[in-house]
Amino acid sequence: MDHSPPGPAKDAAPAPAWHPETAAVRVASPRTPYGENSEALFLTSGFVQPSAEAAAARFAGDEEGYTYARYGNPTTASFEQRLAALEGTEAAIATSSGMAAILMLCLGLLKAGDHVVCSQSMFGATIKLIGTDLAKFGVHSTFVPQTDLDAWRAALRPQTRLLLAETPTNPLTEVCDIAALADIAHRAGALLAVDNCFATPALQRPAALGADIVVHSGTKYLDGQGRVMAGALCARAALVQEAFLPVLRSAGMTLAPFNAWVVLKGLETLHLRMQAQSATALRLAQWLQAHPAVARVHYPGLPSHPQHALALRQQSGCGGAIVAFEVRTASPEQGRARAFAVLDALQTLSLSTNLGDTKTLCSHPASTSHGRLSEAQRQAAGISQALIRVSVGLEHVDDIVTDLARGLDALA
């Protein structure tokens, strides 16, 4: 499997001279002899070998070359090279989903007795995977407030091998200081992994701030149109080859070539989409903040956000495209009912738990993405029954406002 550092397509200028927007459309595996302009899609489960000796060398890893689709594919390699170029890492390795990427991260780096320090504001499935599923195999974990650097330091143990953060978080858009967390991790002899799903490399490059591994759910903004599942880890080439590739070969969380091709093409419009959706999200957040039925708005682009200055510094001056807000309520039960009323009044926007689509998606995190957590875990993460998450798409902001106003105006 080719996990060499990212390189340009044949007949193109060297990738290091390019701006990120150019890398997003030009970095790929070399063209085939047919000279295709759009990257080729290789739909094959196996590859014919030139000789038995070459096959043996390739399966042993002594010679470069594709052998079996579970191990690698030229289309998947193009996606990996392009994403690594955008994140500024030496290499990337693709997976079948974002959660598969986090599982690969843990299986590649941790063993029984090791310890992980993780943000308590992580995605619900990540909390369950690390705190419950991996605990059955002897991996210990401590969950800390995302923005409390002292809590991260206090949680460290001699067995700590990994710090895992998500910035901004899902769904409350908490922002952590990546450089500070990297310093804490490295002083403890641990690695820092940062989930960059919300900001994407179009806004934020965690590796440039000291992160060792960048985690992606390509299902979200990298694809951008809600079409396929995908995931990836971006890191040093040695880490990819020695820690993660062996897990992929054994466990088979391989990204399908078709899905790789879809996300590869999605990367070509990533910068345009993130800028447009972030601009609309800011206008929506400002409108929500002024609405009498809204108690609180969570959006890094607002001056009222606790980490506003840090977010703009880390995220290229943008707040991102996710807005969360809480409806006014007198009790958790009423909060759930009032949030449901807003969602059920939607006529244009989609009631869906995905995010990063060109279509605006709305969800109720407490009963969906974080529904498998205990109420205590949800409270620790700050996820109330009154909370609604909006993944802002490419519709006109006035149409988004009009649709949300149907339900909110009825509550005011």
Protein backbone atom coordinates (compact mmCIF):
# COMPACT_ATOMS: atom_id res chain seq x y z
CA MET A 1 0.00 0.00 0.00
CA ASP A 2 1.43 3.35 -1.00
CA HIS A 3 1.57 5.64 2.03
CA SER A 4 4.52 7.68 0.82
CA PRO A 5 4.49 11.46 1.36
CA PRO A 6 2.00 13.33 -0.82
CA GLY A 7 3.09 14.05 -4.37
CA PRO A 8 1.67 15.87 -7.37
CA ALA A 9 -0.12 14.33 -10.29
CA LYS A 10 2.03 13.71 -13.35
CA ASP A 11 2.76 16.80 -15.45
CA ALA A 12 1.90 19.15 -12.56
CA ALA A 13 4.03 21.58 -10.55
CA PRO A 14 5.49 20.37 -7.24
CA ALA A 15 2.88 20.33 -4.47
CA PRO A 16 4.93 22.33 -1.90
CA ALA A 17 4.74 25.41 -4.16
CA TRP A 18 0.95 25.34 -4.22
CA HIS A 19 -1.57 27.18 -2.10
CA PRO A 20 -4.00 24.87 -0.25
CA GLU A 21 -6.80 25.63 -2.70
CA THR A 22 -4.60 24.39 -5.54
CA ALA A 23 -3.45 21.31 -3.64
CA ALA A 24 -7.11 20.45 -3.06
CA VAL A 25 -7.64 19.98 -6.79
CA ARG A 26 -4.18 18.89 -7.97
CA VAL A 27 -2.51 16.52 -5.50
CA ALA A 28 -3.14 12.90 -6.55
CA SER A 29 -1.45 9.73 -7.72
CA PRO A 30 0.18 9.93 -11.17
CA ARG A 31 -2.15 9.78 -14.14
CA THR A 32 -2.49 6.52 -16.02
CA PRO A 33 -1.17 6.28 -19.60
CA TYR A 34 -4.64 7.35 -20.77
CA GLY A 35 -4.05 10.88 -19.45
CA GLU A 36 -7.33 11.35 -17.60
CA ASN A 37 -7.90 14.82 -16.15
CA SER A 38 -10.33 13.67 -13.47
CA GLU A 39 -8.69 11.12 -11.19
CA ALA A 40 -9.33 7.51 -12.16
CA LEU A 41 -11.63 5.25 -10.15
CA PHE A 42 -10.13 1.78 -9.76
CA LEU A 43 -12.89 -0.71 -8.97
CA THR A 44 -11.00 -3.92 -8.39
CA SER A 45 -10.58 -6.27 -5.46
CA GLY A 46 -7.20 -7.57 -6.58
CA PHE A 47 -4.19 -6.68 -8.72
CA VAL A 48 -2.36 -8.88 -11.23
CA GLN A 49 1.29 -9.36 -10.28
CA PRO A 50 4.14 -9.34 -12.82
CA SER A 51 5.74 -12.44 -11.29
CA ALA A 52 5.54 -14.74 -8.31
CA GLU A 53 8.74 -13.21 -6.96
CA ALA A 54 7.29 -9.69 -7.22
CA ALA A 55 4.06 -10.84 -5.55
CA ALA A 56 6.02 -12.28 -2.64
CA ALA A 57 8.07 -9.08 -2.27
CA ARG A 58 5.00 -6.86 -2.39
CA PHE A 59 3.04 -8.89 0.15
CA ALA A 60 6.09 -8.85 2.42
CA GLY A 61 6.35 -5.07 2.09
CA ASP A 62 9.80 -5.23 0.52
CA GLU A 63 8.63 -3.78 -2.80
CA GLU A 64 6.04 -1.10 -3.60
CA GLY A 65 2.98 -2.22 -5.49
CA TYR A 66 -0.68 -2.95 -5.02
CA THR A 67 -1.67 -6.48 -4.06
CA TYR A 68 -5.16 -6.68 -2.57
CA ALA A 69 -7.83 -4.03 -2.15
CA ARG A 70 -8.00 -4.40 1.62
CA TYR A 71 -4.38 -3.23 1.77
CA GLY A 72 -4.58 -0.36 -0.72
CA ASN A 73 -5.91 1.03 -3.97
CA PRO A 74 -4.67 3.81 -6.30
CA THR A 75 -7.90 5.80 -5.90
CA THR A 76 -7.70 5.58 -2.13
CA ALA A 77 -4.03 6.59 -2.28
CA SER A 78 -4.98 9.74 -4.21
CA PHE A 79 -7.41 10.71 -1.48
CA GLU A 80 -4.79 10.02 1.20
CA GLN A 81 -2.13 12.06 -0.58
CA ARG A 82 -4.48 14.99 -1.14
CA LEU A 83 -5.73 15.06 2.45
CA ALA A 84 -2.19 14.80 3.84
CA ALA A 85 -1.15 17.73 1.64
CA LEU A 86 -4.03 19.82 2.96
CA GLU A 87 -3.31 18.94 6.60
CA GLY A 88 0.43 19.45 6.17
CA THR A 89 1.38 15.97 7.35
CA GLU A 90 3.73 13.47 5.75
CA ALA A 91 1.05 10.85 5.19
CA ALA A 92 -2.56 9.85 5.73
CA ILE A 93 -4.39 6.56 5.93
CA ALA A 94 -8.04 6.21 4.93
CA THR A 95 -10.72 4.22 6.74
CA SER A 96 -14.31 3.19 6.13
CA SER A 97 -15.75 5.80 8.53
CA GLY A 98 -14.75 8.41 11.06
CA MET A 99 -15.34 6.01 13.96
CA ALA A 100 -13.20 3.42 12.16
CA ALA A 101 -10.42 6.02 12.12
CA ILE A 102 -10.71 6.52 15.89
CA LEU A 103 -10.74 2.74 16.41
CA MET A 104 -7.60 2.45 14.26
CA LEU A 105 -6.02 5.24 16.30
CA CYS A 106 -6.64 3.36 19.54
CA LEU A 107 -5.73 -0.11 18.26
CA GLY A 108 -2.54 1.21 16.70
CA LEU A 109 -1.28 3.10 19.75
CA LEU A 110 -2.75 1.47 22.87
CA LYS A 111 -2.53 -1.82 24.73
CA ALA A 112 -3.92 -3.17 28.00
CA GLY A 113 -2.77 -1.00 30.89
CA ASP A 114 -2.33 2.15 28.83
CA HIS A 115 -4.19 5.33 29.68
CA VAL A 116 -5.97 7.92 27.52
CA VAL A 117 -6.98 11.44 28.51
CA CYS A 118 -9.97 12.52 26.47
CA SER A 119 -12.20 15.56 26.26
CA GLN A 120 -15.56 14.92 27.92
CA SER A 121 -17.13 16.95 25.10
CA MET A 122 -16.16 14.48 22.37
CA PHE A 123 -18.72 12.96 20.03
CA GLY A 124 -20.95 10.51 21.91
CA ALA A 125 -19.78 7.41 20.02
CA THR A 126 -16.15 8.31 20.74
CA ILE A 127 -16.86 8.57 24.46
CA LYS A 128 -18.55 5.17 24.42
CA LEU A 129 -15.81 3.53 22.35
CA ILE A 130 -12.99 4.74 24.59
CA GLY A 131 -14.74 4.78 27.94
CA THR A 132 -16.75 1.56 27.64
CA ASP A 133 -15.71 -0.67 24.75
CA LEU A 134 -11.93 -0.32 25.08
CA ALA A 135 -12.19 -0.56 28.86
CA LYS A 136 -13.18 -4.21 28.39
CA PHE A 137 -9.70 -4.79 26.97
CA GLY A 138 -7.82 -3.04 29.76
CA VAL A 139 -7.41 0.45 28.28
CA HIS A 140 -8.00 3.08 30.96
CA SER A 141 -9.40 6.53 30.28
CA THR A 142 -10.06 9.82 32.01
CA PHE A 143 -12.48 12.39 30.60
CA VAL A 144 -11.80 16.04 31.36
CA PRO A 145 -13.38 19.43 30.54
CA GLN A 146 -12.19 20.35 27.08
CA THR A 147 -11.04 23.89 27.87
CA ASP A 148 -9.49 23.28 31.32
CA LEU A 149 -5.75 22.86 30.75
CA ASP A 150 -5.14 22.18 34.44
CA ALA A 151 -7.61 19.29 34.30
CA TRP A 152 -5.68 17.78 31.39
CA ARG A 153 -2.44 18.07 33.36
CA ALA A 154 -3.98 16.61 36.53
CA ALA A 155 -5.33 13.61 34.62
CA LEU A 156 -1.91 12.50 33.39
CA ARG A 157 -0.45 9.21 34.63
CA PRO A 158 2.82 7.42 33.95
CA GLN A 159 0.78 5.11 31.68
CA THR A 160 -0.74 7.96 29.63
CA ARG A 161 -0.01 7.37 25.97
CA LEU A 162 -2.58 9.54 24.19
CA LEU A 163 -4.47 12.80 24.59
CA LEU A 164 -7.55 13.11 22.36
CA ALA A 165 -9.42 16.35 21.73
CA GLU A 166 -12.01 17.61 19.27
CA THR A 167 -12.06 21.25 18.29
CA PRO A 168 -14.61 22.66 17.85
CA THR A 169 -16.62 20.01 19.69
CA ASN A 170 -19.85 18.35 18.68
CA PRO A 171 -22.32 19.92 19.33
CA LEU A 172 -21.38 22.79 21.68
CA THR A 173 -18.47 24.11 19.57
CA GLU A 174 -16.02 24.28 22.48
CA VAL A 175 -12.53 25.18 21.26
CA CYS A 176 -9.34 23.87 22.83
CA ASP A 177 -5.88 25.41 22.63
CA ILE A 178 -4.15 22.88 20.36
CA ALA A 179 -0.63 24.21 20.92
CA ALA A 180 -1.05 24.13 24.71
CA LEU A 181 -2.42 20.57 24.66
CA ALA A 182 0.44 19.48 22.41
CA ASP A 183 2.91 20.85 24.95
CA ILE A 184 1.14 19.03 27.80
CA ALA A 185 1.13 15.75 25.85
CA HIS A 186 4.75 15.92 24.75
CA ARG A 187 6.03 16.83 28.23
CA ALA A 188 4.31 13.66 29.45
CA GLY A 189 5.77 11.53 26.66
CA ALA A 190 2.35 11.11 25.06
CA LEU A 191 0.87 11.90 21.65
CA LEU A 192 -1.86 14.41 20.89
CA ALA A 193 -4.62 13.49 18.44
CA VAL A 194 -7.06 16.19 17.32
CA ASP A 195 -10.40 15.54 15.62
CA ASN A 196 -10.55 18.21 12.91
CA CYS A 197 -13.93 17.20 11.52
CA PHE A 198 -15.72 20.51 12.18
CA ALA A 199 -13.05 22.95 11.03
CA THR A 200 -11.35 20.84 8.32
CA PRO A 201 -7.94 21.84 6.92
CA ALA A 202 -9.67 24.64 5.03
CA LEU A 203 -9.88 26.52 8.34
CA GLN A 204 -7.50 24.77 10.74
CA ARG A 205 -4.34 22.64 10.56
CA PRO A 206 -3.72 21.00 13.95
CA ALA A 207 -0.37 19.50 12.90
CA ALA A 208 1.02 23.01 12.39
CA LEU A 209 0.10 23.71 16.02
CA GLY A 210 1.84 20.62 17.38
CA ALA A 211 -0.71 17.83 17.09
CA ASP A 212 0.78 14.43 16.22
CA ILE A 213 -2.32 12.95 14.59
CA VAL A 214 -5.28 14.58 12.87
CA VAL A 215 -8.54 12.61 12.83
CA HIS A 216 -11.24 12.98 10.19
CA SER A 217 -14.71 11.78 9.47
CA GLY A 218 -14.69 12.28 5.72
CA THR A 219 -18.43 11.62 5.81
CA LYS A 220 -18.86 15.24 6.82
CA TYR A 221 -17.28 18.30 5.17
CA LEU A 222 -14.60 16.47 3.20
CA ASP A 223 -17.31 14.85 1.09
CA GLY A 224 -19.60 17.82 1.63
CA GLN A 225 -22.78 16.46 0.10
CA GLY A 226 -23.79 13.63 2.44
CA ARG A 227 -23.12 10.88 -0.10
CA VAL A 228 -20.69 8.37 1.42
CA MET A 229 -18.97 7.23 4.61
CA ALA A 230 -15.22 7.80 5.03
CA GLY A 231 -12.55 8.48 7.63
CA ALA A 232 -8.82 9.12 7.87
CA LEU A 233 -5.83 9.65 10.12
CA CYS A 234 -3.10 12.13 9.12
CA ALA A 235 0.31 11.83 10.75
CA ARG A 236 4.03 11.25 10.25
CA ALA A 237 4.82 8.62 7.62
CA ALA A 238 6.54 6.38 10.19
CA LEU A 239 3.49 6.45 12.46
CA VAL A 240 1.16 5.59 9.58
CA GLN A 241 3.38 2.75 8.36
CA GLU A 242 4.31 1.25 11.72
CA ALA A 243 1.25 1.83 13.91
CA PHE A 244 -1.81 2.20 11.68
CA LEU A 245 -1.18 0.29 8.45
CA PRO A 246 -0.75 -3.06 10.26
CA VAL A 247 -4.15 -2.54 11.91
CA LEU A 248 -5.75 -1.80 8.54
CA ARG A 249 -4.28 -4.94 7.01
CA SER A 250 -5.53 -7.11 9.86
CA ALA A 251 -8.84 -5.50 10.82
CA GLY A 252 -10.02 -4.44 7.37
CA MET A 253 -11.59 -1.05 8.12
CA THR A 254 -10.69 -0.19 4.52
CA LEU A 255 -12.20 2.72 2.63
CA ALA A 256 -14.01 1.53 -0.51
CA PRO A 257 -12.46 2.93 -3.73
CA PHE A 258 -15.74 4.48 -4.86
CA ASN A 259 -16.15 6.29 -1.54
CA ALA A 260 -12.52 7.42 -1.73
CA TRP A 261 -13.14 8.84 -5.20
CA VAL A 262 -16.27 10.71 -4.04
CA VAL A 263 -14.45 12.32 -1.11
CA LEU A 264 -11.41 13.03 -3.29
CA LYS A 265 -13.64 15.06 -5.59
CA GLY A 266 -15.36 16.66 -2.58
CA LEU A 267 -12.02 18.06 -1.42
CA GLU A 268 -11.86 20.14 -4.61
CA THR A 269 -14.63 22.45 -3.36
CA LEU A 270 -13.82 22.27 0.36
CA HIS A 271 -12.36 25.75 0.72
CA LEU A 272 -15.21 27.43 -1.16
CA ARG A 273 -17.86 25.55 0.82
CA MET A 274 -16.30 26.21 4.22
CA GLN A 275 -16.00 29.93 3.57
CA ALA A 276 -19.57 30.25 2.29
CA GLN A 277 -21.14 28.07 4.98
CA SER A 278 -19.17 29.79 7.76
CA ALA A 279 -20.37 33.20 6.56
CA THR A 280 -23.99 32.04 6.58
CA ALA A 281 -23.55 30.39 9.98
CA LEU A 282 -22.35 33.66 11.49
CA ARG A 283 -25.42 35.51 10.19
CA LEU A 284 -27.69 32.75 11.49
CA ALA A 285 -26.01 32.78 14.91
CA GLN A 286 -26.47 36.55 15.17
CA TRP A 287 -30.17 36.19 14.35
CA LEU A 288 -30.65 33.38 16.85
CA GLN A 289 -28.90 35.35 19.58
CA ALA A 290 -31.50 38.10 19.23
CA HIS A 291 -34.54 35.79 19.18
CA PRO A 292 -36.67 35.89 22.38
CA ALA A 293 -37.26 32.12 22.36
CA VAL A 294 -33.52 31.35 22.38
CA ALA A 295 -31.72 31.17 25.71
CA ARG A 296 -28.18 30.67 24.45
CA VAL A 297 -26.26 30.33 21.18
CA HIS A 298 -23.07 28.29 20.88
CA TYR A 299 -20.98 29.55 17.98
CA PRO A 300 -17.23 30.37 17.99
CA GLY A 301 -17.73 33.27 15.61
CA LEU A 302 -19.77 35.22 18.16
CA PRO A 303 -17.93 37.50 20.63
CA SER A 304 -20.09 35.90 23.36
CA HIS A 305 -18.41 32.52 22.82
CA PRO A 306 -15.96 31.78 25.68
CA GLN A 307 -13.15 30.86 23.27
CA HIS A 308 -13.99 33.39 20.56
CA ALA A 309 -10.50 34.91 20.27
CA LEU A 310 -8.79 31.51 20.31
CA ALA A 311 -11.20 30.15 17.71
CA LEU A 312 -10.59 32.98 15.28
CA ARG A 313 -6.83 32.64 15.77
CA GLN A 314 -6.82 28.87 15.18
CA GLN A 315 -9.55 28.73 12.54
CA SER A 316 -8.40 31.29 9.99
CA GLY A 317 -10.73 33.96 11.33
CA CYS A 318 -13.86 31.82 10.84
CA GLY A 319 -16.34 30.40 13.30
CA GLY A 320 -17.11 27.35 11.20
CA ALA A 321 -20.45 26.12 9.91
CA ILE A 322 -22.00 24.54 13.02
CA VAL A 323 -24.37 26.53 15.22
CA ALA A 324 -26.01 25.11 18.35
CA PHE A 325 -28.67 26.87 20.39
CA GLU A 326 -30.87 26.22 23.40
CA VAL A 327 -34.53 27.15 23.52
CA ARG A 328 -35.84 28.89 26.63
CA THR A 329 -37.36 26.41 29.04
CA ALA A 330 -38.36 25.91 32.66
CA SER A 331 -37.38 22.23 32.94
CA PRO A 332 -35.54 19.48 31.01
CA GLU A 333 -38.85 17.87 30.09
CA GLN A 334 -40.22 21.11 28.73
CA GLY A 335 -36.91 21.77 26.99
CA ARG A 336 -37.16 18.50 25.07
CA ALA A 337 -40.76 19.19 24.06
CA ARG A 338 -39.98 22.74 22.94
CA ALA A 339 -36.90 21.66 20.98
CA PHE A 340 -38.97 18.93 19.29
CA ALA A 341 -41.62 21.53 18.42
CA VAL A 342 -39.04 23.66 16.61
CA LEU A 343 -37.70 20.67 14.69
CA ASP A 344 -41.16 19.37 13.79
CA ALA A 345 -42.09 22.78 12.34
CA LEU A 346 -39.33 22.62 9.73
CA GLN A 347 -40.48 22.64 6.11
CA THR A 348 -37.28 23.43 4.20
CA LEU A 349 -34.37 22.30 6.37
CA SER A 350 -33.62 18.63 6.94
CA LEU A 351 -34.12 16.85 10.26
CA SER A 352 -30.98 14.72 10.12
CA THR A 353 -28.12 13.77 12.45
CA ASN A 354 -25.40 14.04 9.80
CA LEU A 355 -23.48 17.28 9.31
CA GLY A 356 -21.28 18.97 6.74
CA ASP A 357 -23.81 18.71 3.91
CA THR A 358 -24.63 21.39 1.33
CA LYS A 359 -28.16 21.08 2.73
CA THR A 360 -28.78 22.59 6.18
CA LEU A 361 -29.34 19.82 8.73
CA CYS A 362 -30.95 20.17 12.16
CA SER A 363 -30.87 17.66 15.02
CA HIS A 364 -31.58 17.11 18.71
CA PRO A 365 -28.26 15.82 20.08
CA ALA A 366 -29.56 14.60 23.45
CA SER A 367 -31.83 12.04 21.79
CA THR A 368 -29.73 11.17 18.72
CA SER A 369 -25.94 11.57 18.42
CA HIS A 370 -25.52 11.56 22.22
CA GLY A 371 -28.56 9.44 23.01
CA ARG A 372 -26.52 6.40 24.09
CA LEU A 373 -24.77 8.36 26.83
CA SER A 374 -26.09 8.40 30.36
CA GLU A 375 -27.83 11.55 31.55
CA ALA A 376 -24.83 12.20 33.80
CA GLN A 377 -22.47 12.00 30.83
CA ARG A 378 -24.69 14.35 28.82
CA GLN A 379 -24.81 16.84 31.69
CA ALA A 380 -21.03 16.67 32.06
CA ALA A 381 -20.73 17.46 28.36
CA GLY A 382 -23.24 20.31 28.69
CA ILE A 383 -25.79 18.75 26.35
CA SER A 384 -29.26 19.71 27.52
CA GLN A 385 -32.64 18.51 26.30
CA ALA A 386 -33.29 22.04 25.03
CA LEU A 387 -30.32 21.98 22.65
CA ILE A 388 -30.66 22.01 18.84
CA ARG A 389 -27.69 21.68 16.49
CA VAL A 390 -27.70 23.27 13.05
CA SER A 391 -25.21 22.25 10.37
CA VAL A 392 -25.46 25.21 8.02
CA GLY A 393 -25.56 24.41 4.32
CA LEU A 394 -25.54 26.48 1.15
CA GLU A 395 -29.13 27.71 1.11
CA HIS A 396 -29.77 31.45 1.30
CA VAL A 397 -29.59 32.61 4.90
CA ASP A 398 -33.03 34.21 4.69
CA ASP A 399 -34.61 30.85 3.83
CA ILE A 400 -32.81 29.17 6.73
CA VAL A 401 -34.01 31.89 9.11
CA THR A 402 -37.58 31.70 7.81
CA ASP A 403 -37.75 27.95 8.40
CA LEU A 404 -36.37 28.09 11.94
CA ALA A 405 -38.58 31.08 12.76
CA ARG A 406 -41.71 28.95 12.23
CA GLY A 407 -41.07 26.95 15.35
CA LEU A 408 -39.21 29.57 17.38
CA ASP A 409 -41.82 32.30 16.86
CA ALA A 410 -44.49 29.93 18.19
CA LEU A 411 -42.47 29.54 21.42
CA ALA A 412 -41.82 33.23 21.98
